[in-house]
Protein backbone atom coordinates (compact mmCIF):
# COMPACT_ATOMS: atom_id res chain seq x y z
CA UNK A 1 0.00 0.00 0.00
CA UNK A 2 1.27 3.47 -0.93
CA UNK A 3 0.39 6.49 1.17
CA UNK A 4 0.88 10.11 0.20
CA UNK A 5 0.78 12.37 3.24
CA UNK A 6 0.16 16.05 2.53
CA UNK A 7 1.49 18.18 5.38
CA UNK A 8 -0.52 21.38 5.18
CA UNK A 9 0.98 23.28 8.09
CA UNK A 10 3.67 25.89 7.48
CA UNK A 11 5.23 24.82 10.81
CA UNK A 12 7.48 21.80 10.49
CA UNK A 13 7.59 19.81 13.72
CA UNK A 14 4.38 21.51 14.79
CA UNK A 15 1.33 19.68 16.10
CA UNK A 16 -0.12 18.70 12.75
CA UNK A 17 3.26 17.49 11.53
CA UNK A 18 3.84 15.42 14.69
CA UNK A 19 0.42 13.81 14.35
CA UNK A 20 1.17 13.06 10.72
CA UNK A 21 4.50 11.48 11.66
CA UNK A 22 2.72 9.23 14.17
CA UNK A 23 0.19 8.25 11.49
CA UNK A 24 3.01 7.43 9.06
CA UNK A 25 4.80 5.34 11.71
CA UNK A 26 1.59 3.38 12.26
CA UNK A 27 1.18 2.84 8.53
CA UNK A 28 4.77 1.68 8.13
CA UNK A 29 4.32 -0.73 11.04
CA UNK A 30 1.85 -2.55 8.78
CA UNK A 31 4.19 -2.56 5.79
CA UNK A 32 2.86 0.49 3.95
CA UNK A 33 5.10 2.80 1.97
CA UNK A 34 4.57 6.42 2.93
CA UNK A 35 5.85 9.68 1.51
CA UNK A 36 5.30 13.08 3.09
CA UNK A 37 5.05 16.28 1.08
CA UNK A 38 5.22 19.67 2.79
CA UNK A 39 2.74 21.74 0.82
CA UNK A 40 4.35 24.95 2.09
CA UNK A 41 7.54 23.99 0.23
CA UNK A 42 5.74 23.81 -3.12
CA UNK A 43 5.16 26.56 -5.63
CA UNK A 44 1.46 26.22 -6.42
CA UNK A 45 -0.83 28.75 -8.06
CA UNK A 46 -4.54 28.89 -7.44
CA UNK A 47 -7.11 27.32 -9.71
CA UNK A 48 -7.89 29.70 -12.57
CA UNK A 49 -11.38 28.26 -13.24
CA UNK A 50 -10.49 27.87 -16.91
CA UNK A 51 -11.88 24.31 -17.10
CA UNK A 52 -9.17 23.19 -19.51
CA UNK A 53 -8.86 20.17 -17.23
CA UNK A 54 -12.32 18.91 -18.17
CA UNK A 55 -10.87 17.42 -21.37
CA UNK A 56 -7.54 16.10 -20.15
CA UNK A 57 -7.96 15.47 -16.43
CA UNK A 58 -4.87 17.57 -15.82
CA UNK A 59 -4.45 21.22 -15.02
CA UNK A 60 -2.81 23.27 -17.77
CA UNK A 61 -0.77 25.27 -15.25
CA UNK A 62 2.84 24.17 -14.94
CA UNK A 63 3.90 24.38 -11.33
CA UNK A 64 4.67 21.94 -8.51
CA UNK A 65 1.16 20.45 -8.67
CA UNK A 66 2.18 18.78 -11.95
CA UNK A 67 4.47 16.37 -10.10
CA UNK A 68 2.06 16.07 -7.18
CA UNK A 69 -0.68 14.79 -9.52
CA UNK A 70 1.51 11.83 -10.45
CA UNK A 71 2.22 11.11 -6.79
CA UNK A 72 -1.50 11.32 -5.93
CA UNK A 73 -2.46 8.96 -8.73
CA UNK A 74 0.24 6.47 -7.67
CA UNK A 75 -0.92 6.45 -4.03
CA UNK A 76 -3.64 4.25 -2.56
CA UNK A 77 -4.28 6.58 0.39
CA UNK A 78 -4.15 10.38 0.54
CA UNK A 79 -3.67 11.95 3.95
CA UNK A 80 -4.65 15.58 4.41
CA UNK A 81 -3.01 16.97 7.56
CA UNK A 82 -3.84 20.58 8.32
CA UNK A 83 -4.18 22.88 11.28
CA UNK A 84 -7.50 24.66 11.65
CA UNK A 85 -7.28 28.27 10.47
CA UNK A 86 -10.48 30.28 10.76
CA UNK A 87 -12.61 27.13 10.94
CA UNK A 88 -11.09 25.76 7.75
CA UNK A 89 -7.86 24.24 6.45
CA UNK A 90 -4.60 26.10 6.02
CA UNK A 91 -4.23 28.10 2.81
CA UNK A 92 -1.60 25.62 1.62
CA UNK A 93 -4.02 22.72 2.03
CA UNK A 94 -6.96 24.52 0.45
CA UNK A 95 -4.83 25.61 -2.51
CA UNK A 96 -3.75 22.03 -3.23
CA UNK A 97 -7.29 20.72 -2.75
CA UNK A 98 -8.70 23.33 -5.14
CA UNK A 99 -6.19 22.23 -7.77
CA UNK A 100 -7.30 18.61 -7.38
CA UNK A 101 -10.52 19.59 -9.18
CA UNK A 102 -8.84 18.52 -12.41
CA UNK A 103 -8.73 14.93 -11.12
CA UNK A 104 -12.52 14.80 -11.38
CA UNK A 105 -12.31 14.86 -15.17
CA UNK A 106 -10.84 12.97 -18.10
CA UNK A 107 -8.85 9.79 -17.57
CA UNK A 108 -7.83 10.87 -14.07
CA UNK A 109 -11.42 10.38 -12.89
CA UNK A 110 -11.25 6.59 -13.03
CA UNK A 111 -7.70 6.52 -11.63
CA UNK A 112 -8.86 8.39 -8.50
CA UNK A 113 -12.11 6.52 -7.88
CA UNK A 114 -11.97 4.29 -4.82
CA UNK A 115 -8.76 5.58 -3.32
CA UNK A 116 -8.86 6.24 0.41
CA UNK A 117 -8.43 9.54 2.21
CA UNK A 118 -7.69 10.51 5.80
CA UNK A 119 -8.07 13.87 7.52
CA UNK A 120 -5.83 14.85 10.42
CA UNK A 121 -6.16 18.21 12.10
CA UNK A 122 -5.05 20.14 15.17
CA UNK A 123 -6.89 23.14 16.53
CA UNK A 124 -6.56 25.67 19.33
CA UNK A 125 -10.21 25.29 20.28
CA UNK A 126 -12.06 22.11 21.12
CA UNK A 127 -12.42 20.09 17.90
CA UNK A 128 -16.22 19.89 18.24
CA UNK A 129 -16.27 23.70 17.95
CA UNK A 130 -13.33 24.24 15.62
CA UNK A 131 -13.64 21.53 12.96
CA UNK A 132 -17.26 21.16 11.73
CA UNK A 133 -16.76 23.44 8.70
CA UNK A 134 -13.35 22.00 7.84
CA UNK A 135 -14.58 18.42 8.11
CA UNK A 136 -17.73 19.21 6.14
CA UNK A 137 -15.72 20.81 3.33
CA UNK A 138 -13.37 17.83 3.20
CA UNK A 139 -16.14 15.24 3.31
CA UNK A 140 -17.95 16.87 0.40
CA UNK A 141 -14.75 17.40 -1.61
CA UNK A 142 -13.59 13.82 -1.08
CA UNK A 143 -17.01 12.49 -2.05
CA UNK A 144 -16.91 14.62 -5.21
CA UNK A 145 -13.54 13.03 -6.03
CA UNK A 146 -15.04 9.56 -5.34
CA UNK A 147 -12.53 8.97 -2.55
CA UNK A 148 -13.43 6.78 0.40
CA UNK A 149 -13.06 8.60 3.72
CA UNK A 150 -11.05 6.07 5.74
CA UNK A 151 -10.62 8.08 8.91
CA UNK A 152 -10.53 11.40 10.71
CA UNK A 153 -8.46 12.55 13.65
CA UNK A 154 -9.13 15.89 15.32
CA UNK A 155 -6.90 16.95 18.21
CA UNK A 156 -6.80 20.03 20.38
CA UNK A 157 -3.27 21.43 20.35
CA UNK A 158 -2.10 24.98 19.79
CA UNK A 159 1.41 25.78 21.02
CA UNK A 160 4.01 24.47 18.57
CA UNK A 161 4.88 20.89 19.42
CA UNK A 162 2.59 20.57 22.45
CA UNK A 163 1.02 17.43 20.99
CA UNK A 164 4.32 15.70 21.76
CA UNK A 165 3.16 15.77 25.40
CA UNK A 166 -0.14 14.11 24.48
CA UNK A 167 0.61 10.38 24.18
CA UNK A 168 -3.10 9.57 23.75
CA UNK A 169 -3.34 11.74 20.61
CA UNK A 170 -0.12 10.32 19.17
CA UNK A 171 -1.35 6.79 19.90
CA UNK A 172 -4.63 7.55 18.08
CA UNK A 173 -2.70 8.87 15.08
CA UNK A 174 -0.43 5.79 15.08
CA UNK A 175 -3.45 3.50 15.37
CA UNK A 176 -5.24 5.26 12.53
CA UNK A 177 -2.21 4.79 10.30
CA UNK A 178 -2.03 1.10 11.19
CA UNK A 179 -5.77 0.60 10.69
CA UNK A 180 -5.86 2.32 7.31
CA UNK A 181 -2.86 0.27 6.15
CA UNK A 182 -4.24 -3.10 7.22
CA UNK A 183 -5.77 -5.27 4.52
Foldseek 3Di string as FASTA:
>chain_A
DEEEEEAADPDDQFDLNLLLVLLVLLQVVQPYHYDYDHLVPWDADADPPPCPLQAALADPDDTPVVVVLVVLLPGLEYEYGAEFDPLAGHPSSVRSLRRNVSCCHDPSLVSQAAREYEYEYEYQDDCVPRHPVHVVVVVVSCVSSNHHHQYYHYYYDDPTNPCVVVVVSSVVSSNSSNVVNHD
